């Protein structure tokens, strides 16, 4: 019964990738906000 553990690890990996993407795209947030509300 290792399935839950596998799912947990894959979710953790996805969260790490999402966090990395958020960190990398952080400088572009003001630009995106300006584009959204222009």
N, C-alpha and C. Protein backbone atom coordinates (compact mmCIF):
# COMPACT_ATOMS: atom_id res chain seq x y z
N UNK A 1 0.85 -1.20 0.00
CA UNK A 1 0.00 0.00 0.00
C UNK A 1 0.88 1.25 0.00
N UNK A 2 1.63 1.45 -1.08
CA UNK A 2 2.52 2.61 -1.16
C UNK A 2 1.91 3.72 -2.01
N UNK A 3 0.66 3.52 -2.45
CA UNK A 3 0.06 4.50 -3.36
C UNK A 3 -0.09 5.89 -2.71
N UNK A 4 -0.65 5.99 -1.49
CA UNK A 4 -0.82 7.32 -0.89
C UNK A 4 0.50 8.07 -0.77
N UNK A 5 1.57 7.34 -0.41
CA UNK A 5 2.88 7.97 -0.27
C UNK A 5 3.35 8.52 -1.60
N UNK A 6 3.12 7.74 -2.67
CA UNK A 6 3.54 8.17 -4.01
C UNK A 6 2.79 9.43 -4.41
N UNK A 7 1.48 9.43 -4.15
CA UNK A 7 0.68 10.60 -4.49
C UNK A 7 1.17 11.81 -3.71
N UNK A 8 1.48 11.59 -2.43
CA UNK A 8 1.95 12.68 -1.58
C UNK A 8 3.25 13.27 -2.13
N UNK A 9 4.17 12.40 -2.53
CA UNK A 9 5.46 12.88 -3.03
C UNK A 9 5.29 13.62 -4.35
N UNK A 10 4.40 13.14 -5.20
CA UNK A 10 4.19 13.82 -6.49
C UNK A 10 3.54 15.18 -6.26
N UNK A 11 2.62 15.26 -5.29
CA UNK A 11 2.00 16.55 -4.97
C UNK A 11 3.06 17.51 -4.43
N UNK A 12 3.95 17.00 -3.57
CA UNK A 12 5.01 17.85 -3.04
C UNK A 12 5.90 18.36 -4.16
N UNK A 13 6.20 17.50 -5.12
CA UNK A 13 7.05 17.90 -6.24
C UNK A 13 6.36 19.00 -7.05
N UNK A 14 5.05 18.84 -7.29
CA UNK A 14 4.30 19.84 -8.04
C UNK A 14 4.29 21.17 -7.30
N UNK A 15 4.13 21.12 -5.96
CA UNK A 15 4.13 22.34 -5.18
C UNK A 15 5.48 23.04 -5.25
N UNK A 16 6.55 22.25 -5.24
CA UNK A 16 7.89 22.84 -5.35
C UNK A 16 8.06 23.54 -6.68
N UNK A 17 7.59 22.90 -7.76
CA UNK A 17 7.72 23.50 -9.09
C UNK A 17 6.87 24.78 -9.17
N UNK A 18 5.66 24.73 -8.60
CA UNK A 18 4.81 25.92 -8.62
C UNK A 18 5.45 27.06 -7.86
N UNK A 19 6.06 26.72 -6.69
CA UNK A 19 6.71 27.75 -5.88
C UNK A 19 7.87 28.37 -6.65
N UNK A 20 8.62 27.52 -7.36
CA UNK A 20 9.75 28.01 -8.14
C UNK A 20 9.26 28.94 -9.25
N UNK A 21 8.15 28.55 -9.92
CA UNK A 21 7.61 29.38 -10.99
C UNK A 21 7.11 30.72 -10.44
N UNK A 22 6.45 30.68 -9.28
CA UNK A 22 5.98 31.92 -8.67
C UNK A 22 7.14 32.82 -8.33
N UNK A 23 8.22 32.22 -7.80
CA UNK A 23 9.39 33.01 -7.41
C UNK A 23 10.05 33.63 -8.63
N UNK A 24 10.10 32.86 -9.73
CA UNK A 24 10.74 33.36 -10.95
C UNK A 24 9.90 34.45 -11.61
N UNK A 25 8.58 34.34 -11.53
CA UNK A 25 7.71 35.31 -12.21
C UNK A 25 7.38 36.50 -11.31
N UNK A 26 7.92 36.52 -10.08
CA UNK A 26 7.59 37.59 -9.13
C UNK A 26 7.88 38.98 -9.68
N UNK A 27 9.02 39.22 -10.35
CA UNK A 27 9.31 40.57 -10.86
C UNK A 27 8.31 41.04 -11.91
N UNK A 28 7.57 40.12 -12.52
CA UNK A 28 6.66 40.50 -13.60
C UNK A 28 5.24 40.80 -13.10
N UNK A 29 5.01 40.66 -11.80
CA UNK A 29 3.66 40.89 -11.29
C UNK A 29 3.15 42.30 -11.55
N UNK A 30 3.96 43.34 -11.31
CA UNK A 30 3.46 44.70 -11.61
C UNK A 30 3.09 44.88 -13.07
N UNK A 31 3.87 44.30 -13.97
CA UNK A 31 3.59 44.41 -15.40
C UNK A 31 2.28 43.72 -15.73
N UNK A 32 2.07 42.53 -15.16
CA UNK A 32 0.84 41.80 -15.44
C UNK A 32 -0.36 42.55 -14.88
N UNK A 33 -0.19 43.16 -13.71
CA UNK A 33 -1.29 43.92 -13.10
C UNK A 33 -1.61 45.13 -13.97
N UNK A 34 -0.58 45.81 -14.47
CA UNK A 34 -0.82 46.97 -15.35
C UNK A 34 -1.54 46.54 -16.62
N UNK A 35 -1.12 45.41 -17.19
CA UNK A 35 -1.77 44.93 -18.41
C UNK A 35 -3.22 44.57 -18.15
N UNK A 36 -3.47 43.99 -16.96
CA UNK A 36 -4.83 43.56 -16.65
C UNK A 36 -5.76 44.75 -16.49
N UNK A 37 -5.28 45.81 -15.84
CA UNK A 37 -6.16 46.94 -15.52
C UNK A 37 -5.99 48.12 -16.46
N UNK A 38 -5.29 47.92 -17.57
CA UNK A 38 -5.11 49.03 -18.51
C UNK A 38 -6.32 49.15 -19.43
